[in-house]
Amino acid sequence: MAGSNEHTESMADFYEMFEASMKPIRNGDMLEGTIMEIGPDAAILDLGSYMDGILPKEQLEDGETLEDLKVGEKIRVAVRRVDTRNSQILLSKRDADRVIAWTDLRDHMEEGTAVLVKVDSAVKGGLRVHCGSASGFMPASQVDLSYQEDLSVFVGQELKAELMEVDPEKKDFTCSRKKVLIKEREMAKERLFATLKEGDRLKGKVVEIRPYGAFVEIENGVTGLLHVSDMSWSRVSSPADVVSVGDLVEVGVTKVDPENQRISLSLKAVGIDPWSALDFGVGSMLADKEVTRIISSGAFVRLTDAIEGFLPISQISDKRLRSVSEAIKPGQHISVKVLSIRPEEHRISLSMKEVDQESGEALPEEMSFYSTDDDDEPTTNLGGLLAGLTLEE
């Protein structure tokens, strides 16, 4: 009984194969065949038909040879002509490859997925490219995120591109690398903002300078603001005094705003805080220090390369001054005494009137007509004024 079932199944398979072998095959049909034999001029394929498939070497893809094929390999071929007299079907792998290429291109365009194209030449208005056996065009405006004047640098390169139009009848397609770059940039932004946090250290390139700071590109298409106040511990007049476009810099992240996609950066954050390593203290005498600028209430004095102290107008002279410029001017070198240090506020208060400007040493206490409470307005030092005086009876 079992043998009878096996016989019935084998007969059914035979009739199925026979019917398949007798199905009409027409010019232009796409078929899959198995390579049975490879000769010097052609390969013979089993197409599941009573006729053999003949693939001449001239019908291979450009640059492909019969030696590239393997016996037993399954390949897609197109029917060029059915020769019933000789029971042969003449095939073309080249035609099949092109049909497959255009079908794949159309599928990629509908799905919105990128393809890999190779640049053949730079022509007027863009680049001639190919994807597999299909030739296409990339407009100059779609080559990069910004306009590229010399397109010849792309010749020979493989580029990821998104298909804009596919026309199998005209055997042409139009593609865009710019669309791929925009998507990649947005994905990079999402990844960056998902992981970036305050305190991170990054390396980036200065891409733009404004009066209020500089923009640093820390990842492809992602920039952060390096504000002028975060460029140095000392006062910066212009961002261009510290950085230039194209500079590679290491910066610290001070603030991340994913909602508005803003990043605040700092050069100060990656350096040593000079306020944590002062080599002077309250009461120190500091000689030959430069006055950097003056304002109505006093003057700023450079104490180190990175730190300035403030000299109130009341601490410049024992005489009452109507303006700071009556006594000192920017660029002048003076000696000062440190009255107070407030590291948390980054403030140092100074006195000039308590220091002998010639020797740089402290004046005797009785020679100071005014005393002060830090950088507030001075009060009369009557003890110093009356010391040594006697009253006549």
Foldseek 3Di string as FASTA:
>chain_A
DVVVVVVVVVVVVVVVLQVQQPDDDDAFDKFKWFFADQDPFWTWTDRSHPAIETEGQVQEAVPDGSVVDDGGDIAIWGFHDQDVVRRYTYIHRNVVQLVVQLVVLVVQQVVQHKAKWAFAAADPQFTWIAGRPFIETEGQPQEALDGDPDPRVRHGPIAIWTWDAGDVVVRYTYTGRHVVLVVVLVVVLVVCLVPDDFFDKAKFFFAAFDFQFTWTDRDRVQTATEGQPQEALAHDRGNVVRDDGGDIAMWGWHDADSVVSYTYIHPNSVDDDVLVPDPDAAFDKQFFWFFAAADFQFTWTDRDPRAIATEGQQQEALDRDNGHVVRDHGGDTFMWGWHHDDSVVRYTYIHRHQADRVVSHGDPPLPRQWDDDGRDHTDGPVCSVCPPPDDDD
